[in-house]
Amino acid sequence: MVTLVRLKRDGKVRMLDVEDRSGVTVLRLNHGKVNALDLDLLRAITAAVGDARPEAAVVITGAGSTFCAGVDLASIAEGGEPYVREFLPALSEMFLAVFGHPGPTLAAVNGHAIAGGCVLAAACDIRVMARGRIGLTELAVGVPFPAAALEIMRHAVGPAASTLVLTSELLEAPGAQSIGLVQAIEAPDALLESVITRAQAMMRIESGVYSFTKRQLQRPVRERLAAAAGDEDAVLAAWTSDRTREKIAGYLGALGKR
């Protein structure tokens, strides 16, 4: 059964498809052409993950040819500081909701997973990619990382996180697999079924043992986030600065010319 989560903003319908597949909760981002993350979509993802049974596996994928192209920079530019003050906490909350779900979480990366889209995939326990490119472009746009995003990337790929963050390099699937950013590569037409099968296998592990082990593995992330709590004011200041607004406008202008 498919439930459509419809959220309206500025007269446009934002949509997240939620489907139960034999006990696996499948969340399909279905938001415009590139599934960009705006405030409404962040809240929808957080709510959908929260509504999933704690022991259930959650599979996240995208509609169309893109998994998620990251933050909706146009909404950031239009909304200004009031919007960003709501957006940044909601972004971190969404990442941590996926990261902290007690059951298995898997990303079926059906296409480009860029910036926040890459972090969303990295927040999952297992990532399987079919096509497109994946990576972190925040520094190229001129914005710093919220602590949650940075620590999730460090957890996912270890020392390779530094190169991904500081170079803004986008990787094809084989390159992503070589550093552990994705665990497997699958053909596009077989991707979702393959990931659902993996999810069902992971659900056969005793749920209490799985969630306890997951918390053990994630403990360093929680400790580093507590230590970095003071960074959020600096991140907010950077995202709302005049220079950042100019940088985002230039980035969006360059995209429009392609």
C-alpha atoms as a PDB file:
ATOM      1  CA  MET A   1       0.000   0.000   0.000  1.00  0.00           C
ATOM      2  CA  VAL A   2       1.356   3.432  -0.925  1.00  0.00           C
ATOM      3  CA  THR A   3       0.734   6.446   1.262  1.00  0.00           C
ATOM      4  CA  LEU A   4       1.436   9.827  -0.268  1.00  0.00           C
ATOM      5  CA  VAL A   5       2.669  12.499   2.107  1.00  0.00           C
ATOM      6  CA  ARG A   6       1.666  15.734   0.407  1.00  0.00           C
ATOM      7  CA  LEU A   7       3.034  19.018   1.657  1.00  0.00           C
ATOM      8  CA  LYS A   8       2.218  22.362   0.075  1.00  0.00           C
ATOM      9  CA  ARG A   9       4.379  25.429  -0.044  1.00  0.00           C
ATOM     10  CA  ASP A  10       3.992  28.358  -2.441  1.00  0.00           C
ATOM     11  CA  GLY A  11       1.222  26.441  -4.197  1.00  0.00           C
ATOM     12  CA  LYS A  12       3.491  23.540  -5.135  1.00  0.00           C
ATOM     13  CA  VAL A  13       2.985  19.972  -4.006  1.00  0.00           C
ATOM     14  CA  ARG A  14       5.931  18.290  -2.298  1.00  0.00           C
ATOM     15  CA  MET A  15       5.636  14.547  -2.089  1.00  0.00           C
ATOM     16  CA  LEU A  16       7.229  11.628  -0.283  1.00  0.00           C
ATOM     17  CA  ASP A  17       5.979   8.156  -1.201  1.00  0.00           C
ATOM     18  CA  VAL A  18       5.850   5.700   1.701  1.00  0.00           C
ATOM     19  CA  GLU A  19       5.321   2.019   0.948  1.00  0.00           C
ATOM     20  CA  ASP A  20       5.373  -1.151   3.036  1.00  0.00           C
ATOM     21  CA  ARG A  21       7.118  -3.966   1.167  1.00  0.00           C
ATOM     22  CA  SER A  22       6.750  -7.146   3.238  1.00  0.00           C
ATOM     23  CA  GLY A  23       7.685  -5.362   6.448  1.00  0.00           C
ATOM     24  CA  VAL A  24      10.281  -3.068   4.857  1.00  0.00           C
ATOM     25  CA  THR A  25       9.387   0.630   4.834  1.00  0.00           C
ATOM     26  CA  VAL A  26      10.359   2.160   1.489  1.00  0.00           C
ATOM     27  CA  LEU A  27      10.637   5.950   1.358  1.00  0.00           C
ATOM     28  CA  ARG A  28      10.845   7.364  -2.151  1.00  0.00           C
ATOM     29  CA  LEU A  29      11.780  11.032  -2.488  1.00  0.00           C
ATOM     30  CA  ASN A  30       9.481  12.428  -5.168  1.00  0.00           C
ATOM     31  CA  HIS A  31      10.127  16.151  -5.100  1.00  0.00           C
ATOM     32  CA  GLY A  32      10.529  17.951  -8.401  1.00  0.00           C
ATOM     33  CA  LYS A  33      13.220  17.001 -10.885  1.00  0.00           C
ATOM     34  CA  VAL A  34      16.087  16.406  -8.469  1.00  0.00           C
ATOM     35  CA  ASN A  35      14.493  15.673  -5.072  1.00  0.00           C
ATOM     36  CA  ALA A  36      16.093  18.737  -3.493  1.00  0.00           C
ATOM     37  CA  LEU A  37      15.817  19.101   0.267  1.00  0.00           C
ATOM     38  CA  ASP A  38      13.635  21.971   1.401  1.00  0.00           C
ATOM     39  CA  LEU A  39      12.142  22.486   4.854  1.00  0.00           C
ATOM     40  CA  ASP A  40       8.917  20.633   4.074  1.00  0.00           C
ATOM     41  CA  LEU A  41      10.681  17.585   2.650  1.00  0.00           C
ATOM     42  CA  LEU A  42      13.080  17.440   5.602  1.00  0.00           C
ATOM     43  CA  ARG A  43      10.161  17.351   8.006  1.00  0.00           C
ATOM     44  CA  ALA A  44       8.366  14.726   5.928  1.00  0.00           C
ATOM     45  CA  ILE A  45      11.404  12.408   5.927  1.00  0.00           C
ATOM     46  CA  THR A  46      11.913  12.868   9.672  1.00  0.00           C
ATOM     47  CA  ALA A  47       8.244  12.111  10.354  1.00  0.00           C
ATOM     48  CA  ALA A  48       8.189   9.072   8.063  1.00  0.00           C
ATOM     49  CA  VAL A  49      11.282   7.556   9.688  1.00  0.00           C
ATOM     50  CA  GLY A  50       9.781   8.264  13.101  1.00  0.00           C
ATOM     51  CA  ASP A  51       6.557   6.522  12.099  1.00  0.00           C
ATOM     52  CA  ALA A  52       8.362   3.348  11.000  1.00  0.00           C
ATOM     53  CA  ARG A  53       8.351   0.476  13.472  1.00  0.00           C
ATOM     54  CA  PRO A  54      11.631   0.553  15.456  1.00  0.00           C
ATOM     55  CA  GLU A  55      12.580  -2.935  14.311  1.00  0.00           C
ATOM     56  CA  ALA A  56      11.605  -2.365  10.676  1.00  0.00           C
ATOM     57  CA  ALA A  57      14.137  -1.838   7.934  1.00  0.00           C
ATOM     58  CA  VAL A  58      13.867   1.500   6.131  1.00  0.00           C
ATOM     59  CA  VAL A  59      14.946   1.817   2.491  1.00  0.00           C
ATOM     60  CA  ILE A  60      15.402   5.313   1.045  1.00  0.00           C
ATOM     61  CA  THR A  61      15.487   5.922  -2.692  1.00  0.00           C
ATOM     62  CA  GLY A  62      14.580   8.633  -5.182  1.00  0.00           C
ATOM     63  CA  ALA A  63      12.061   9.029  -7.957  1.00  0.00           C
ATOM     64  CA  GLY A  64      13.316   9.742 -11.458  1.00  0.00           C
ATOM     65  CA  SER A  65      17.001   9.736 -12.321  1.00  0.00           C
ATOM     66  CA  THR A  66      18.266  11.442  -9.147  1.00  0.00           C
ATOM     67  CA  PHE A  67      18.517  10.142  -5.600  1.00  0.00           C
ATOM     68  CA  CYS A  68      18.829  13.613  -4.062  1.00  0.00           C
ATOM     69  CA  ALA A  69      20.679  16.675  -5.357  1.00  0.00           C
ATOM     70  CA  GLY A  70      21.079  18.115  -1.873  1.00  0.00           C
ATOM     71  CA  VAL A  71      19.807  21.295  -0.289  1.00  0.00           C
ATOM     72  CA  ASP A  72      17.284  23.385  -2.208  1.00  0.00           C
ATOM     73  CA  LEU A  73      19.538  26.429  -2.510  1.00  0.00           C
ATOM     74  CA  ALA A  74      16.837  28.455  -4.227  1.00  0.00           C
ATOM     75  CA  SER A  75      14.692  28.204  -1.086  1.00  0.00           C
ATOM     76  CA  ILE A  76      17.704  29.244   1.009  1.00  0.00           C
ATOM     77  CA  ALA A  77      18.289  32.286  -1.205  1.00  0.00           C
ATOM     78  CA  GLU A  78      14.629  33.268  -1.240  1.00  0.00           C
ATOM     79  CA  GLY A  79      13.903  32.628   2.431  1.00  0.00           C
ATOM     80  CA  GLY A  80      16.917  34.418   3.854  1.00  0.00           C
ATOM     81  CA  GLU A  81      17.927  34.248   7.495  1.00  0.00           C
ATOM     82  CA  PRO A  82      14.473  33.386   8.955  1.00  0.00           C
ATOM     83  CA  TYR A  83      14.235  30.360   6.678  1.00  0.00           C
ATOM     84  CA  VAL A  84      17.814  29.247   7.351  1.00  0.00           C
ATOM     85  CA  ARG A  85      17.234  29.444  11.127  1.00  0.00           C
ATOM     86  CA  GLU A  86      14.488  26.843  10.703  1.00  0.00           C
ATOM     87  CA  PHE A  87      16.173  24.888   7.944  1.00  0.00           C
ATOM     88  CA  LEU A  88      19.554  24.056   9.505  1.00  0.00           C
ATOM     89  CA  PRO A  89      18.169  22.433  12.679  1.00  0.00           C
ATOM     90  CA  ALA A  90      15.625  20.542  10.579  1.00  0.00           C
ATOM     91  CA  LEU A  91      18.419  19.329   8.282  1.00  0.00           C
ATOM     92  CA  SER A  92      20.441  17.959  11.190  1.00  0.00           C
ATOM     93  CA  GLU A  93      17.317  16.458  12.760  1.00  0.00           C
ATOM     94  CA  MET A  94      16.535  14.612   9.535  1.00  0.00           C
ATOM     95  CA  PHE A  95      20.073  13.256   9.159  1.00  0.00           C
ATOM     96  CA  LEU A  96      20.074  12.053  12.766  1.00  0.00           C
ATOM     97  CA  ALA A  97      16.599  10.522  12.488  1.00  0.00           C
ATOM     98  CA  VAL A  98      17.821   8.310   9.645  1.00  0.00           C
ATOM     99  CA  PHE A  99      21.179   7.662  11.311  1.00  0.00           C
ATOM    100  CA  GLY A 100      19.575   6.790  14.645  1.00  0.00           C
ATOM    101  CA  HIS A 101      16.712   4.580  13.475  1.00  0.00           C
ATOM    102  CA  PRO A 102      17.090   1.395  15.577  1.00  0.00           C
ATOM    103  CA  GLY A 103      16.434  -0.989  12.697  1.00  0.00           C
ATOM    104  CA  PRO A 104      18.392  -1.421   9.473  1.00  0.00           C
ATOM    105  CA  THR A 105      18.525   1.562   7.126  1.00  0.00           C
ATOM    106  CA  LEU A 106      19.540   1.209   3.488  1.00  0.00           C
ATOM    107  CA  ALA A 107      19.977   3.695   0.648  1.00  0.00           C
ATOM    108  CA  ALA A 108      19.075   2.582  -2.865  1.00  0.00           C
ATOM    109  CA  VAL A 109      21.046   5.284  -4.670  1.00  0.00           C
ATOM    110  CA  ASN A 110      19.308   5.400  -8.036  1.00  0.00           C
ATOM    111  CA  GLY A 111      21.136   8.469  -9.354  1.00  0.00           C
ATOM    112  CA  HIS A 112      23.073  11.561  -8.324  1.00  0.00           C
ATOM    113  CA  ALA A 113      23.514  11.923  -4.547  1.00  0.00           C
ATOM    114  CA  ILE A 114      25.127  15.288  -4.028  1.00  0.00           C
ATOM    115  CA  ALA A 115      25.907  17.337  -0.906  1.00  0.00           C
ATOM    116  CA  GLY A 116      22.981  16.781   1.474  1.00  0.00           C
ATOM    117  CA  GLY A 117      21.895  13.883  -0.718  1.00  0.00           C
ATOM    118  CA  CYS A 118      25.258  12.232  -0.143  1.00  0.00           C
ATOM    119  CA  VAL A 119      24.935  12.753   3.617  1.00  0.00           C
ATOM    120  CA  LEU A 120      21.414  11.304   3.558  1.00  0.00           C
ATOM    121  CA  ALA A 121      22.758   8.164   1.882  1.00  0.00           C
ATOM    122  CA  ALA A 122      25.725   8.035   4.276  1.00  0.00           C
ATOM    123  CA  ALA A 123      23.341   8.195   7.255  1.00  0.00           C
ATOM    124  CA  CYS A 124      22.081   4.747   6.225  1.00  0.00           C
ATOM    125  CA  ASP A 125      23.732   1.539   7.402  1.00  0.00           C
ATOM    126  CA  ILE A 126      24.097   0.150   3.869  1.00  0.00           C
ATOM    127  CA  ARG A 127      24.345   1.994   0.552  1.00  0.00           C
ATOM    128  CA  VAL A 128      23.875   0.400  -2.870  1.00  0.00           C
ATOM    129  CA  MET A 129      24.357   2.563  -5.969  1.00  0.00           C
ATOM    130  CA  ALA A 130      23.188   2.105  -9.547  1.00  0.00           C
ATOM    131  CA  ARG A 131      24.374   5.179 -11.440  1.00  0.00           C
ATOM    132  CA  GLY A 132      25.139   8.885 -11.222  1.00  0.00           C
ATOM    133  CA  ARG A 133      27.719  10.637  -9.098  1.00  0.00           C
ATOM    134  CA  ILE A 134      28.004  11.031  -5.351  1.00  0.00           C
ATOM    135  CA  GLY A 135      29.939  13.471  -3.209  1.00  0.00           C
ATOM    136  CA  LEU A 136      30.035  16.615  -1.116  1.00  0.00           C
ATOM    137  CA  THR A 137      29.993  20.037  -2.785  1.00  0.00           C
ATOM    138  CA  GLU A 138      29.312  22.270   0.208  1.00  0.00           C
ATOM    139  CA  LEU A 139      32.698  24.000   0.155  1.00  0.00           C
ATOM    140  CA  ALA A 140      32.357  24.666  -3.580  1.00  0.00           C
ATOM    141  CA  VAL A 141      29.064  26.417  -2.875  1.00  0.00           C
ATOM    142  CA  GLY A 142      30.646  28.328  -0.006  1.00  0.00           C
ATOM    143  CA  VAL A 143      28.858  26.901   3.042  1.00  0.00           C
ATOM    144  CA  PRO A 144      30.248  24.902   5.984  1.00  0.00           C
ATOM    145  CA  PHE A 145      28.884  21.584   7.209  1.00  0.00           C
ATOM    146  CA  PRO A 146      26.557  21.259  10.191  1.00  0.00           C
ATOM    147  CA  ALA A 147      28.267  19.044  12.748  1.00  0.00           C
ATOM    148  CA  ALA A 148      25.778  16.201  12.247  1.00  0.00           C
ATOM    149  CA  ALA A 149      26.555  16.004   8.535  1.00  0.00           C
ATOM    150  CA  LEU A 150      30.299  16.055   9.063  1.00  0.00           C
ATOM    151  CA  GLU A 151      30.264  13.392  11.772  1.00  0.00           C
ATOM    152  CA  ILE A 152      27.967  11.113   9.772  1.00  0.00           C
ATOM    153  CA  MET A 153      30.403  11.313   6.854  1.00  0.00           C
ATOM    154  CA  ARG A 154      33.339  10.584   9.160  1.00  0.00           C
ATOM    155  CA  HIS A 155      31.458   7.557  10.481  1.00  0.00           C
ATOM    156  CA  ALA A 156      30.628   6.325   6.978  1.00  0.00           C
ATOM    157  CA  VAL A 157      34.009   6.596   5.270  1.00  0.00           C
ATOM    158  CA  GLY A 158      36.574   7.299   7.988  1.00  0.00           C
ATOM    159  CA  PRO A 159      39.765   9.067   6.789  1.00  0.00           C
ATOM    160  CA  ALA A 160      38.357   9.384   3.255  1.00  0.00           C
ATOM    161  CA  ALA A 161      35.893  11.964   4.604  1.00  0.00           C
ATOM    162  CA  SER A 162      38.618  14.614   4.593  1.00  0.00           C
ATOM    163  CA  THR A 163      39.245  14.248   0.872  1.00  0.00           C
ATOM    164  CA  LEU A 164      35.535  14.203   0.041  1.00  0.00           C
ATOM    165  CA  VAL A 165      34.853  17.301   2.132  1.00  0.00           C
ATOM    166  CA  LEU A 166      37.861  19.403   1.188  1.00  0.00           C
ATOM    167  CA  THR A 167      37.986  18.680  -2.554  1.00  0.00           C
ATOM    168  CA  SER A 168      34.233  18.667  -3.336  1.00  0.00           C
ATOM    169  CA  GLU A 169      34.984  15.780  -5.710  1.00  0.00           C
ATOM    170  CA  LEU A 170      32.065  13.859  -7.160  1.00  0.00           C
ATOM    171  CA  LEU A 171      32.614  10.120  -7.592  1.00  0.00           C
ATOM    172  CA  GLU A 172      31.169   7.572  -9.958  1.00  0.00           C
ATOM    173  CA  ALA A 173      29.901   4.364  -8.362  1.00  0.00           C
ATOM    174  CA  PRO A 174      33.204   2.394  -8.606  1.00  0.00           C
ATOM    175  CA  GLY A 175      35.149   5.219  -6.969  1.00  0.00           C
ATOM    176  CA  ALA A 176      32.555   5.505  -4.226  1.00  0.00           C
ATOM    177  CA  GLN A 177      32.750   1.774  -3.606  1.00  0.00           C
ATOM    178  CA  SER A 178      36.544   1.895  -3.387  1.00  0.00           C
ATOM    179  CA  ILE A 179      36.384   4.165  -0.317  1.00  0.00           C
ATOM    180  CA  GLY A 180      33.404   2.453   1.317  1.00  0.00           C
ATOM    181  CA  LEU A 181      30.924   5.214   0.553  1.00  0.00           C
ATOM    182  CA  VAL A 182      28.783   2.569  -1.140  1.00  0.00           C
ATOM    183  CA  GLN A 183      28.999  -1.118  -0.343  1.00  0.00           C
ATOM    184  CA  ALA A 184      27.701  -2.480  -3.650  1.00  0.00           C
ATOM    185  CA  ILE A 185      26.811  -1.531  -7.214  1.00  0.00           C
ATOM    186  CA  GLU A 186      23.623  -2.788  -8.836  1.00  0.00           C
ATOM    187  CA  ALA A 187      21.971  -2.480 -12.231  1.00  0.00           C
ATOM    188  CA  PRO A 188      19.374   0.321 -12.275  1.00  0.00           C
ATOM    189  CA  ASP A 189      16.420  -1.927 -13.061  1.00  0.00           C
ATOM    190  CA  ALA A 190      17.355  -4.358 -10.275  1.00  0.00           C
ATOM    191  CA  LEU A 191      18.388  -1.803  -7.639  1.00  0.00           C
ATOM    192  CA  LEU A 192      15.300  -1.434  -5.487  1.00  0.00           C
ATOM    193  CA  GLU A 193      14.386  -5.128  -5.380  1.00  0.00           C
ATOM    194  CA  SER A 194      17.996  -6.004  -4.559  1.00  0.00           C
ATOM    195  CA  VAL A 195      18.094  -3.516  -1.677  1.00  0.00           C
ATOM    196  CA  ILE A 196      14.722  -4.674  -0.331  1.00  0.00           C
ATOM    197  CA  THR A 197      16.030  -8.249  -0.336  1.00  0.00           C
ATOM    198  CA  ARG A 198      19.092  -7.086   1.621  1.00  0.00           C
ATOM    199  CA  ALA A 199      16.827  -5.253   4.054  1.00  0.00           C
ATOM    200  CA  GLN A 200      14.699  -8.340   4.635  1.00  0.00           C
ATOM    201  CA  ALA A 201      17.820 -10.392   5.337  1.00  0.00           C
ATOM    202  CA  MET A 202      19.063  -7.798   7.841  1.00  0.00           C
ATOM    203  CA  MET A 203      15.679  -7.854   9.617  1.00  0.00           C
ATOM    204  CA  ARG A 204      16.255 -11.526  10.420  1.00  0.00           C
ATOM    205  CA  ILE A 205      18.895 -10.446  12.943  1.00  0.00           C
ATOM    206  CA  GLU A 206      17.369 -10.202  16.431  1.00  0.00           C
ATOM    207  CA  SER A 207      16.181  -6.592  16.615  1.00  0.00           C
ATOM    208  CA  GLY A 208      17.424  -5.858  20.133  1.00  0.00           C
ATOM    209  CA  VAL A 209      20.899  -7.117  19.279  1.00  0.00           C
ATOM    210  CA  TYR A 210      20.937  -5.147  16.037  1.00  0.00           C
ATOM    211  CA  SER A 211      19.922  -1.856  17.653  1.00  0.00           C
ATOM    212  CA  PHE A 212      22.340  -2.302  20.576  1.00  0.00           C
ATOM    213  CA  THR A 213      25.253  -3.040  18.246  1.00  0.00           C
ATOM    214  CA  LYS A 214      24.318  -0.082  16.075  1.00  0.00           C
ATOM    215  CA  ARG A 215      24.377   2.225  19.123  1.00  0.00           C
ATOM    216  CA  GLN A 216      27.797   0.865  20.054  1.00  0.00           C
ATOM    217  CA  LEU A 217      29.166   1.589  16.596  1.00  0.00           C
ATOM    218  CA  GLN A 218      27.660   5.085  16.593  1.00  0.00           C
ATOM    219  CA  ARG A 219      28.818   6.098  20.087  1.00  0.00           C
ATOM    220  CA  PRO A 220      31.866   8.086  18.828  1.00  0.00           C
ATOM    221  CA  VAL A 221      29.551  10.151  16.612  1.00  0.00           C
ATOM    222  CA  ARG A 222      27.325  11.046  19.555  1.00  0.00           C
ATOM    223  CA  GLU A 223      30.341  11.977  21.662  1.00  0.00           C
ATOM    224  CA  ARG A 224      31.815  14.204  18.943  1.00  0.00           C
ATOM    225  CA  LEU A 225      28.438  15.879  18.350  1.00  0.00           C
ATOM    226  CA  ALA A 226      28.187  16.725  22.040  1.00  0.00           C
ATOM    227  CA  ALA A 227      31.673  18.217  21.924  1.00  0.00           C
ATOM    228  CA  ALA A 228      30.832  20.232  18.788  1.00  0.00           C
ATOM    229  CA  ALA A 229      27.588  21.741  20.075  1.00  0.00           C
ATOM    230  CA  GLY A 230      29.124  25.213  20.070  1.00  0.00           C
ATOM    231  CA  ASP A 231      29.858  25.043  16.339  1.00  0.00           C
ATOM    232  CA  GLU A 232      26.233  25.488  15.290  1.00  0.00           C
ATOM    233  CA  ASP A 233      26.198  29.247  15.884  1.00  0.00           C
ATOM    234  CA  ALA A 234      29.213  29.631  13.603  1.00  0.00           C
ATOM    235  CA  VAL A 235      27.574  27.439  10.945  1.00  0.00           C
ATOM    236  CA  LEU A 236      24.403  29.538  11.091  1.00  0.00           C
ATOM    237  CA  ALA A 237      26.390  32.761  10.843  1.00  0.00           C
ATOM    238  CA  ALA A 238      28.220  31.455   7.774  1.00  0.00           C
ATOM    239  CA  TRP A 239      25.034  30.282   6.031  1.00  0.00           C
ATOM    240  CA  THR A 240      23.305  33.629   6.578  1.00  0.00           C
ATOM    241  CA  SER A 241      26.193  35.941   5.720  1.00  0.00           C
ATOM    242  CA  ASP A 242      26.068  38.361   2.792  1.00  0.00           C
ATOM    243  CA  ARG A 243      29.057  36.633   1.234  1.00  0.00           C
ATOM    244  CA  THR A 244      27.315  33.248   1.372  1.00  0.00           C
ATOM    245  CA  ARG A 245      24.178  34.671  -0.229  1.00  0.00           C
ATOM    246  CA  GLU A 246      26.300  36.074  -3.044  1.00  0.00           C
ATOM    247  CA  LYS A 247      28.102  32.759  -3.427  1.00  0.00           C
ATOM    248  CA  ILE A 248      24.828  30.821  -3.585  1.00  0.00           C
ATOM    249  CA  ALA A 249      23.409  33.282  -6.114  1.00  0.00           C
ATOM    250  CA  GLY A 250      26.505  32.866  -8.276  1.00  0.00           C
ATOM    251  CA  TYR A 251      26.334  29.083  -8.003  1.00  0.00           C
ATOM    252  CA  LEU A 252      22.656  29.041  -8.979  1.00  0.00           C
ATOM    253  CA  GLY A 253      23.376  31.431 -11.845  1.00  0.00           C
ATOM    254  CA  ALA A 254      26.121  29.166 -13.144  1.00  0.00           C
ATOM    255  CA  LEU A 255      23.786  26.168 -12.990  1.00  0.00           C
ATOM    256  CA  GLY A 256      21.184  28.097 -14.957  1.00  0.00           C
ATOM    257  CA  LYS A 257      23.636  28.674 -17.784  1.00  0.00           C
ATOM    258  CA  ARG A 258      24.452  24.994 -18.232  1.00  0.00           C
END
